[in-house]
C-alpha atoms as a PDB file:
ATOM      1  CA  MET A   1      -0.012  -0.009   0.022  1.00  0.00           C
ATOM      2  CA  ALA A   2       2.825   2.388   0.690  1.00  0.00           C
ATOM      3  CA  SER A   3       4.009   2.065  -2.851  1.00  0.00           C
ATOM      4  CA  ASP A   4       0.548   2.876  -4.175  1.00  0.00           C
ATOM      5  CA  ALA A   5       0.337   5.954  -2.017  1.00  0.00           C
ATOM      6  CA  MET A   6       3.776   7.052  -3.143  1.00  0.00           C
ATOM      7  CA  ALA A   7       2.914   6.495  -6.740  1.00  0.00           C
ATOM      8  CA  SER A   8      -0.268   8.487  -6.514  1.00  0.00           C
ATOM      9  CA  ASP A   9       1.600  11.333  -4.628  1.00  0.00           C
ATOM     10  CA  ALA A  10       4.334  11.327  -7.227  1.00  0.00           C
ATOM     11  CA  ALA A  11       1.722  11.523  -9.991  1.00  0.00           C
ATOM     12  CA  ALA A  12      -0.291  14.253  -8.376  1.00  0.00           C
ATOM     13  CA  PRO A  13       1.895  17.337  -9.345  1.00  0.00           C
ATOM     14  CA  ALA A  14       2.017  16.257 -13.023  1.00  0.00           C
ATOM     15  CA  GLY A  15      -1.589  15.056 -13.055  1.00  0.00           C
ATOM     16  CA  ASN A  16      -4.349  17.163 -14.464  1.00  0.00           C
ATOM     17  CA  PRO A  17      -8.073  16.820 -14.092  1.00  0.00           C
ATOM     18  CA  MET A  18      -9.902  15.009 -16.870  1.00  0.00           C
ATOM     19  CA  VAL A  19     -11.830  17.399 -19.111  1.00  0.00           C
ATOM     20  CA  GLY A  20     -14.558  16.307 -21.482  1.00  0.00           C
ATOM     21  CA  GLY A  21     -13.674  12.657 -20.874  1.00  0.00           C
ATOM     22  CA  ALA A  22     -10.048  13.196 -22.045  1.00  0.00           C
ATOM     23  CA  ALA A  23      -6.804  13.296 -20.147  1.00  0.00           C
ATOM     24  CA  MET A  24      -5.168  16.713 -20.314  1.00  0.00           C
ATOM     25  CA  SER A  25      -1.387  16.736 -20.596  1.00  0.00           C
ATOM     26  CA  ALA A  26       0.576  19.458 -19.007  1.00  0.00           C
ATOM     27  CA  ASP A  27       3.141  18.917 -21.691  1.00  0.00           C
ATOM     28  CA  LYS A  28       0.734  19.872 -24.416  1.00  0.00           C
ATOM     29  CA  ASP A  29      -0.380  23.374 -25.319  1.00  0.00           C
ATOM     30  CA  ILE A  30      -3.904  24.804 -24.917  1.00  0.00           C
ATOM     31  CA  ILE A  31      -5.095  23.828 -28.367  1.00  0.00           C
ATOM     32  CA  ASP A  32      -3.636  20.347 -28.368  1.00  0.00           C
ATOM     33  CA  ASN A  33      -5.440  19.577 -25.138  1.00  0.00           C
ATOM     34  CA  ALA A  34      -8.727  21.373 -25.990  1.00  0.00           C
ATOM     35  CA  VAL A  35      -9.196  19.411 -29.255  1.00  0.00           C
ATOM     36  CA  ASN A  36      -9.462  16.160 -27.152  1.00  0.00           C
ATOM     37  CA  SER A  37     -12.231  17.473 -24.902  1.00  0.00           C
ATOM     38  CA  LYS A  38     -15.679  16.328 -26.020  1.00  0.00           C
ATOM     39  CA  ASP A  39     -17.070  19.135 -23.905  1.00  0.00           C
ATOM     40  CA  HIS A  40     -15.265  21.845 -25.903  1.00  0.00           C
ATOM     41  CA  THR A  41     -15.962  21.076 -29.592  1.00  0.00           C
ATOM     42  CA  THR A  42     -17.880  24.375 -30.058  1.00  0.00           C
ATOM     43  CA  LEU A  43     -15.017  26.375 -28.428  1.00  0.00           C
ATOM     44  CA  VAL A  44     -12.480  24.700 -30.663  1.00  0.00           C
ATOM     45  CA  ALA A  45     -14.531  25.371 -33.728  1.00  0.00           C
ATOM     46  CA  ALA A  46     -14.913  29.003 -32.706  1.00  0.00           C
ATOM     47  CA  VAL A  47     -11.138  29.350 -32.050  1.00  0.00           C
ATOM     48  CA  LYS A  48     -10.468  27.947 -35.533  1.00  0.00           C
ATOM     49  CA  ALA A  49     -13.052  30.265 -37.145  1.00  0.00           C
ATOM     50  CA  ALA A  50     -11.549  33.273 -35.404  1.00  0.00           C
ATOM     51  CA  GLY A  51      -8.043  32.344 -36.578  1.00  0.00           C
ATOM     52  CA  LEU A  52      -6.739  32.121 -32.973  1.00  0.00           C
ATOM     53  CA  VAL A  53      -5.211  28.623 -33.178  1.00  0.00           C
ATOM     54  CA  ASP A  54      -1.644  29.838 -33.774  1.00  0.00           C
ATOM     55  CA  THR A  55      -1.933  32.410 -30.925  1.00  0.00           C
ATOM     56  CA  LEU A  56      -3.168  29.797 -28.439  1.00  0.00           C
ATOM     57  CA  LYS A  57      -0.494  27.395 -29.545  1.00  0.00           C
ATOM     58  CA  GLY A  58       2.090  30.094 -28.897  1.00  0.00           C
ATOM     59  CA  PRO A  59       4.361  30.475 -25.904  1.00  0.00           C
ATOM     60  CA  GLY A  60       1.951  32.473 -23.755  1.00  0.00           C
ATOM     61  CA  PRO A  61       1.529  31.985 -20.972  1.00  0.00           C
ATOM     62  CA  PHE A  62      -2.279  32.370 -21.108  1.00  0.00           C
ATOM     63  CA  THR A  63      -5.066  31.750 -18.709  1.00  0.00           C
ATOM     64  CA  VAL A  64      -8.132  30.527 -20.608  1.00  0.00           C
ATOM     65  CA  PHE A  65     -11.636  30.419 -19.077  1.00  0.00           C
ATOM     66  CA  ALA A  66     -13.046  27.731 -21.416  1.00  0.00           C
ATOM     67  CA  PRO A  67     -16.866  27.621 -21.822  1.00  0.00           C
ATOM     68  CA  THR A  68     -18.294  24.145 -22.375  1.00  0.00           C
ATOM     69  CA  ASN A  69     -20.578  23.130 -25.311  1.00  0.00           C
ATOM     70  CA  GLU A  70     -23.476  23.429 -22.838  1.00  0.00           C
ATOM     71  CA  ALA A  71     -22.483  27.054 -22.130  1.00  0.00           C
ATOM     72  CA  PHE A  72     -22.533  27.910 -25.784  1.00  0.00           C
ATOM     73  CA  ALA A  73     -25.852  26.098 -26.228  1.00  0.00           C
ATOM     74  CA  ALA A  74     -27.323  28.227 -23.532  1.00  0.00           C
ATOM     75  CA  LEU A  75     -26.837  31.339 -25.572  1.00  0.00           C
ATOM     76  CA  PRO A  76     -29.914  32.780 -27.373  1.00  0.00           C
ATOM     77  CA  ALA A  77     -30.847  30.772 -30.456  1.00  0.00           C
ATOM     78  CA  GLY A  78     -28.672  31.626 -33.474  1.00  0.00           C
ATOM     79  CA  THR A  79     -25.902  33.337 -31.453  1.00  0.00           C
ATOM     80  CA  VAL A  80     -23.219  30.698 -32.078  1.00  0.00           C
ATOM     81  CA  ASP A  81     -24.141  30.178 -35.726  1.00  0.00           C
ATOM     82  CA  GLY A  82     -24.110  33.910 -36.322  1.00  0.00           C
ATOM     83  CA  LEU A  83     -20.678  34.395 -34.627  1.00  0.00           C
ATOM     84  CA  LEU A  84     -19.188  31.521 -36.670  1.00  0.00           C
ATOM     85  CA  LYS A  85     -20.025  33.255 -39.975  1.00  0.00           C
ATOM     86  CA  PRO A  86     -16.905  34.667 -41.706  1.00  0.00           C
ATOM     87  CA  GLU A  87     -18.405  38.190 -41.765  1.00  0.00           C
ATOM     88  CA  ASN A  88     -18.648  38.130 -37.894  1.00  0.00           C
ATOM     89  CA  LYS A  89     -15.077  37.103 -37.310  1.00  0.00           C
ATOM     90  CA  ALA A  90     -14.217  40.350 -35.508  1.00  0.00           C
ATOM     91  CA  ASP A  91     -17.134  39.835 -33.086  1.00  0.00           C
ATOM     92  CA  LEU A  92     -16.166  36.284 -32.571  1.00  0.00           C
ATOM     93  CA  THR A  93     -12.611  37.175 -31.861  1.00  0.00           C
ATOM     94  CA  LYS A  94     -13.789  39.857 -29.380  1.00  0.00           C
ATOM     95  CA  VAL A  95     -15.877  37.271 -27.484  1.00  0.00           C
ATOM     96  CA  LEU A  96     -13.144  34.662 -27.493  1.00  0.00           C
ATOM     97  CA  THR A  97     -10.281  36.962 -26.484  1.00  0.00           C
ATOM     98  CA  TYR A  98     -12.494  38.127 -23.556  1.00  0.00           C
ATOM     99  CA  HIS A  99     -12.027  34.641 -22.108  1.00  0.00           C
ATOM    100  CA  VAL A 100      -8.228  34.953 -22.093  1.00  0.00           C
ATOM    101  CA  VAL A 101      -6.071  36.608 -19.529  1.00  0.00           C
ATOM    102  CA  PRO A 102      -2.297  37.158 -20.061  1.00  0.00           C
ATOM    103  CA  GLY A 103      -0.146  35.038 -17.778  1.00  0.00           C
ATOM    104  CA  ALA A 104      -0.737  31.706 -16.016  1.00  0.00           C
ATOM    105  CA  VAL A 105      -3.174  32.387 -13.203  1.00  0.00           C
ATOM    106  CA  ASP A 106      -3.938  29.230 -11.180  1.00  0.00           C
ATOM    107  CA  ALA A 107      -6.855  29.012  -8.740  1.00  0.00           C
ATOM    108  CA  ALA A 108      -4.709  29.599  -5.700  1.00  0.00           C
ATOM    109  CA  THR A 109      -3.261  32.818  -7.177  1.00  0.00           C
ATOM    110  CA  LEU A 110      -6.736  33.970  -8.256  1.00  0.00           C
ATOM    111  CA  LYS A 111      -8.148  33.350  -4.794  1.00  0.00           C
ATOM    112  CA  ALA A 112      -5.205  35.252  -3.315  1.00  0.00           C
ATOM    113  CA  GLN A 113      -5.989  38.217  -5.653  1.00  0.00           C
ATOM    114  CA  ILE A 114      -9.649  38.039  -4.655  1.00  0.00           C
ATOM    115  CA  ALA A 115      -8.720  38.160  -0.980  1.00  0.00           C
ATOM    116  CA  ALA A 116      -6.208  40.998  -1.557  1.00  0.00           C
ATOM    117  CA  GLY A 117      -8.933  42.891  -3.422  1.00  0.00           C
ATOM    118  CA  GLY A 118     -11.394  42.705  -0.570  1.00  0.00           C
ATOM    119  CA  GLY A 119     -13.517  39.973  -2.212  1.00  0.00           C
ATOM    120  CA  LYS A 120     -13.033  40.852  -5.810  1.00  0.00           C
ATOM    121  CA  ALA A 121     -10.165  40.725  -8.403  1.00  0.00           C
ATOM    122  CA  GLU A 122     -10.271  42.644 -11.720  1.00  0.00           C
ATOM    123  CA  LEU A 123      -8.724  40.601 -14.529  1.00  0.00           C
ATOM    124  CA  LYS A 124      -7.723  42.525 -17.648  1.00  0.00           C
ATOM    125  CA  THR A 125      -8.483  40.291 -20.661  1.00  0.00           C
ATOM    126  CA  VAL A 126      -6.592  40.061 -23.878  1.00  0.00           C
ATOM    127  CA  GLN A 127      -9.643  41.617 -25.486  1.00  0.00           C
ATOM    128  CA  GLY A 128      -9.045  44.741 -23.351  1.00  0.00           C
ATOM    129  CA  GLU A 129     -11.985  44.743 -20.960  1.00  0.00           C
ATOM    130  CA  THR A 130     -12.111  43.234 -17.490  1.00  0.00           C
ATOM    131  CA  LEU A 131     -13.681  40.291 -15.854  1.00  0.00           C
ATOM    132  CA  THR A 132     -14.401  40.385 -12.094  1.00  0.00           C
ATOM    133  CA  ALA A 133     -13.455  37.295 -10.158  1.00  0.00           C
ATOM    134  CA  SER A 134     -14.913  36.565  -6.741  1.00  0.00           C
ATOM    135  CA  GLU A 135     -15.445  33.607  -4.402  1.00  0.00           C
ATOM    136  CA  ARG A 136     -18.945  32.116  -4.421  1.00  0.00           C
ATOM    137  CA  ASP A 137     -20.062  28.930  -2.544  1.00  0.00           C
ATOM    138  CA  GLY A 138     -16.403  27.874  -2.173  1.00  0.00           C
ATOM    139  CA  GLY A 139     -15.758  28.271  -5.894  1.00  0.00           C
ATOM    140  CA  ILE A 140     -14.621  31.043  -8.268  1.00  0.00           C
ATOM    141  CA  ALA A 141     -17.166  33.099  -9.962  1.00  0.00           C
ATOM    142  CA  LEU A 142     -16.453  35.402 -13.017  1.00  0.00           C
ATOM    143  CA  THR A 143     -18.657  38.326 -13.776  1.00  0.00           C
ATOM    144  CA  ASP A 144     -18.589  39.871 -17.225  1.00  0.00           C
ATOM    145  CA  SER A 145     -19.172  43.475 -18.272  1.00  0.00           C
ATOM    146  CA  LYS A 146     -22.882  42.709 -18.706  1.00  0.00           C
ATOM    147  CA  GLY A 147     -23.329  41.222 -15.290  1.00  0.00           C
ATOM    148  CA  ASN A 148     -23.488  37.572 -16.426  1.00  0.00           C
ATOM    149  CA  VAL A 149     -21.849  35.148 -14.029  1.00  0.00           C
ATOM    150  CA  ALA A 150     -19.943  32.026 -14.879  1.00  0.00           C
ATOM    151  CA  MET A 151     -18.653  29.487 -12.345  1.00  0.00           C
ATOM    152  CA  VAL A 152     -15.337  27.707 -12.686  1.00  0.00           C
ATOM    153  CA  THR A 153     -16.333  24.024 -12.831  1.00  0.00           C
ATOM    154  CA  ILE A 154     -12.799  22.567 -13.282  1.00  0.00           C
ATOM    155  CA  ALA A 155      -9.908  24.639 -12.198  1.00  0.00           C
ATOM    156  CA  ASP A 156      -6.171  24.304 -12.773  1.00  0.00           C
ATOM    157  CA  VAL A 157      -5.882  22.307 -16.018  1.00  0.00           C
ATOM    158  CA  MET A 158      -2.216  22.991 -16.542  1.00  0.00           C
ATOM    159  CA  GLN A 159      -0.895  23.440 -20.059  1.00  0.00           C
ATOM    160  CA  SER A 160       2.659  23.856 -21.473  1.00  0.00           C
ATOM    161  CA  ASN A 161       1.681  27.515 -22.294  1.00  0.00           C
ATOM    162  CA  GLY A 162      -0.663  28.352 -19.434  1.00  0.00           C
ATOM    163  CA  VAL A 163      -3.696  27.122 -17.610  1.00  0.00           C
ATOM    164  CA  ILE A 164      -7.281  26.421 -18.484  1.00  0.00           C
ATOM    165  CA  HIS A 165     -10.259  26.847 -16.113  1.00  0.00           C
ATOM    166  CA  VAL A 166     -13.501  25.269 -17.457  1.00  0.00           C
ATOM    167  CA  ILE A 167     -16.517  27.520 -16.988  1.00  0.00           C
ATOM    168  CA  ASP A 168     -20.260  26.931 -17.260  1.00  0.00           C
ATOM    169  CA  LYS A 169     -21.274  30.164 -19.178  1.00  0.00           C
ATOM    170  CA  VAL A 170     -20.117  32.192 -22.107  1.00  0.00           C
ATOM    171  CA  LEU A 171     -18.866  35.571 -20.930  1.00  0.00           C
ATOM    172  CA  MET A 172     -19.697  38.634 -23.060  1.00  0.00           C
ATOM    173  CA  PRO A 173     -17.723  41.818 -23.401  1.00  0.00           C
END
């Protein structure tokens, strides 16, 4: 039993949570991991349509708040299809880059920033606007500029070029 405990302890730092039924490798970049998640096919299609694949395969580091397929499906009817049209690439890019923060911000760092900010942390996104992070029910909530709130459902999915936090809503700039 001691060897089993040691093996799991040794694996813990390198281990990542499963996302969308797939193992996430800390040795792979954000895109190479995201394409394996069955819960993020809409996000991957959107990133491709916006031409952001090369950016998110770049050195970063980036913190990506990754909405699930369910989060995209909860948007008003036609929203996703409209954003995926070539003529709406600028709007799609704006929405997607609103989910990205420069640097690798893990949950512990984010919680420390929230505590230091008196219960809130302002996160400047790559898109240019801010997200407000706060703690709610023991988890991390993100509030967008329109007042919509997304909860982090899976935190600290480490990547070779940053970190992904899975969220349950699409944030809107």
